Amino acid sequence: MDRTEGGASITRIEEIFKETMHGETVHKNDYVVIEGGGNGLTSTGVSKTLDTIERMVKMASEKVKRNIVVMNIPMRRGKELSEFDKMRKTVNKECIKKLREWNCDGIQLSEKVEWQEVWGRDGKHLRFRAQLSVAMIIEEWINFRNKKYTTGNDVENKTNP
């Protein structure tokens, strides 16, 4: 269930994340997807958003083994040249720089989705089609994480011990 439905700031996302990570339902072989959240970015600021993402990565690292992905904050219709967009790009760029240090993967949603066609009327929330696209991108990442390549470049499924 998406408990951030209706739009949530990074602060609310972190609250929900903490509840989830401290619960008994998270296991070491689970996959964790972290998205920095664009709602409230201009009021929260770049530094606090990055600090919050880093805290969530550390929390997840304590519970799961290297099955963590950080998604970029996607573009928003009508905000391409705004202060929000500058901040969004800064957060995304800084997250990319830290992926190796965090020992997790990253997904650049904007490379895979035509964002001008997927926003709802408010320009903030994704249409159902876009939600499906994001789910399929995450599924592709999970499938990739579950494969290993042999010396002959054949692909075999692997299991997470």
Protein backbone atom coordinates (compact mmCIF):
# COMPACT_ATOMS: atom_id res chain seq x y z
CA MET A 1 0.00 0.00 0.00
CA ASP A 2 1.32 3.44 -0.89
CA ARG A 3 0.89 5.41 2.33
CA THR A 4 2.36 8.54 0.73
CA GLU A 5 -0.68 8.74 -1.56
CA GLY A 6 -1.91 12.27 -2.15
CA GLY A 7 1.57 13.73 -2.08
CA ALA A 8 4.04 13.74 0.75
CA SER A 9 7.01 15.87 1.63
CA ILE A 10 10.38 14.25 2.26
CA THR A 11 9.70 14.63 5.99
CA ARG A 12 6.51 12.56 5.76
CA ILE A 13 8.22 10.02 3.51
CA GLU A 14 10.94 9.58 6.15
CA GLU A 15 8.35 9.10 8.92
CA ILE A 16 6.66 6.33 6.96
CA PHE A 17 10.04 4.86 6.02
CA LYS A 18 11.11 4.69 9.69
CA GLU A 19 7.87 2.96 10.66
CA THR A 20 8.38 0.42 7.88
CA MET A 21 12.08 -0.21 8.56
CA HIS A 22 11.51 -0.71 12.29
CA GLY A 23 8.68 -3.15 11.68
CA GLU A 24 8.94 -6.91 11.52
CA THR A 25 7.91 -7.12 7.86
CA VAL A 26 11.29 -6.11 6.38
CA HIS A 27 13.70 -8.98 5.71
CA LYS A 28 17.32 -9.05 4.57
CA ASN A 29 16.43 -10.21 1.03
CA ASP A 30 13.78 -7.54 0.47
CA TYR A 31 14.13 -4.73 -2.04
CA VAL A 32 13.94 -1.12 -0.90
CA VAL A 33 13.09 1.74 -3.26
CA ILE A 34 13.84 5.26 -2.05
CA GLU A 35 12.50 8.28 -3.91
CA GLY A 36 13.36 11.70 -2.56
CA GLY A 37 9.97 13.25 -3.12
CA GLY A 38 9.44 16.53 -4.89
CA ASN A 39 6.54 17.74 -2.77
CA GLY A 40 7.78 20.47 -0.49
CA LEU A 41 11.27 20.47 -2.03
CA THR A 42 11.43 24.25 -2.27
CA SER A 43 10.43 24.69 1.38
CA THR A 44 12.50 21.75 2.68
CA GLY A 45 15.62 22.64 0.72
CA VAL A 46 18.34 20.68 -1.03
CA SER A 47 20.53 20.04 2.02
CA LYS A 48 17.75 18.68 4.25
CA THR A 49 16.39 16.55 1.40
CA LEU A 50 19.84 15.02 0.76
CA ASP A 51 20.41 14.42 4.49
CA THR A 52 17.03 12.69 4.73
CA ILE A 53 17.71 10.47 1.71
CA GLU A 54 21.08 9.53 3.20
CA ARG A 55 19.47 8.63 6.54
CA MET A 56 16.93 6.44 4.75
CA VAL A 57 19.70 4.67 2.81
CA LYS A 58 21.56 3.97 6.06
CA MET A 59 18.39 2.68 7.75
CA ALA A 60 17.69 0.39 4.80
CA SER A 61 21.30 -0.84 4.74
CA GLU A 62 20.93 -2.05 8.30
CA LYS A 63 17.92 -4.20 7.36
CA VAL A 64 18.53 -5.45 3.82
CA LYS A 65 21.57 -6.56 1.89
CA ARG A 66 22.45 -4.49 -1.15
CA ASN A 67 18.94 -4.50 -2.62
CA ILE A 68 18.46 -0.74 -2.34
CA VAL A 69 17.73 1.65 -5.18
CA VAL A 70 17.47 5.44 -5.05
CA MET A 71 15.19 6.93 -7.71
CA ASN A 72 15.64 10.45 -8.95
CA ILE A 73 13.06 13.15 -8.32
CA PRO A 74 11.25 13.30 -11.66
CA MET A 75 10.61 16.36 -13.77
CA ARG A 76 7.28 18.12 -13.38
CA ARG A 77 5.19 19.61 -16.11
CA GLY A 78 5.41 23.38 -16.22
CA LYS A 79 8.38 23.60 -13.85
CA GLU A 80 11.22 23.00 -16.31
CA LEU A 81 12.94 26.36 -15.70
CA SER A 82 11.79 27.01 -12.14
CA GLU A 83 13.61 27.11 -8.81
CA PHE A 84 12.05 23.70 -8.08
CA ASP A 85 13.71 22.25 -11.17
CA LYS A 86 17.13 23.65 -10.23
CA MET A 87 16.78 22.13 -6.77
CA ARG A 88 15.51 18.83 -8.18
CA LYS A 89 18.52 18.58 -10.50
CA THR A 90 20.92 19.35 -7.65
CA VAL A 91 19.41 16.67 -5.40
CA ASN A 92 19.50 14.13 -8.24
CA LYS A 93 23.11 14.96 -9.17
CA GLU A 94 24.28 14.71 -5.56
CA CYS A 95 22.49 11.38 -5.09
CA ILE A 96 24.19 9.99 -8.20
CA LYS A 97 27.58 11.01 -6.79
CA LYS A 98 26.86 9.13 -3.55
CA LEU A 99 25.50 5.86 -4.97
CA ARG A 100 28.84 4.06 -4.75
CA GLU A 101 29.46 5.32 -1.21
CA TRP A 102 25.95 4.24 -0.24
CA ASN A 103 26.49 0.86 -1.95
CA CYS A 104 23.16 1.02 -3.74
CA ASP A 105 21.79 1.38 -7.25
CA GLY A 106 20.11 4.35 -8.87
CA ILE A 107 17.25 4.70 -11.34
CA GLN A 108 16.96 7.73 -13.60
CA LEU A 109 13.24 7.75 -14.31
CA SER A 110 13.45 10.64 -16.74
CA GLU A 111 15.48 8.53 -19.18
CA LYS A 112 12.72 5.94 -19.43
CA VAL A 113 9.46 7.89 -19.25
CA GLU A 114 8.04 10.67 -21.42
CA TRP A 115 7.18 12.92 -18.50
CA GLN A 116 5.26 15.58 -20.38
CA GLU A 117 2.55 13.00 -21.10
CA VAL A 118 2.20 11.40 -17.70
CA TRP A 119 1.34 14.12 -15.22
CA GLY A 120 -2.14 14.57 -13.86
CA ARG A 121 -4.00 17.85 -14.16
CA ASP A 122 -2.28 19.28 -11.10
CA GLY A 123 1.15 18.76 -12.67
CA LYS A 124 2.38 17.08 -9.47
CA HIS A 125 0.91 13.60 -9.37
CA LEU A 126 1.36 10.82 -11.89
CA ARG A 127 -1.45 9.45 -13.97
CA PHE A 128 -2.13 5.74 -13.62
CA ARG A 129 -0.19 5.00 -16.83
CA ALA A 130 2.89 6.66 -15.38
CA GLN A 131 2.55 4.74 -12.11
CA LEU A 132 2.56 1.54 -14.17
CA SER A 133 5.65 2.72 -16.04
CA VAL A 134 7.48 3.38 -12.77
CA ALA A 135 6.42 -0.05 -11.45
CA MET A 136 7.73 -1.70 -14.63
CA ILE A 137 11.06 0.16 -14.31
CA ILE A 138 11.40 -1.08 -10.73
CA GLU A 139 10.47 -4.60 -11.84
CA GLU A 140 13.17 -4.42 -14.52
CA TRP A 141 15.72 -3.41 -11.86
CA ILE A 142 14.66 -6.29 -9.58
CA ASN A 143 14.91 -8.76 -12.46
CA PHE A 144 18.37 -7.44 -13.30
CA ARG A 145 19.48 -7.80 -9.66
CA ASN A 146 18.35 -11.45 -9.76
CA LYS A 147 20.50 -12.42 -12.72
CA LYS A 148 24.15 -13.18 -12.99
CA TYR A 149 26.25 -13.39 -16.11
CA THR A 150 28.42 -16.42 -16.78
CA THR A 151 31.79 -16.30 -18.51
CA GLY A 152 30.08 -17.13 -21.80
CA ASN A 153 27.73 -14.14 -21.35
CA ASP A 154 24.83 -16.49 -20.73
CA VAL A 155 22.32 -15.35 -18.16
CA GLU A 156 21.36 -17.56 -15.24
CA ASN A 157 18.90 -16.81 -12.51
CA LYS A 158 20.42 -16.53 -9.09
CA THR A 159 18.79 -16.72 -5.73
CA ASN A 160 19.44 -14.42 -2.83
CA PRO A 161 20.93 -16.60 -0.07
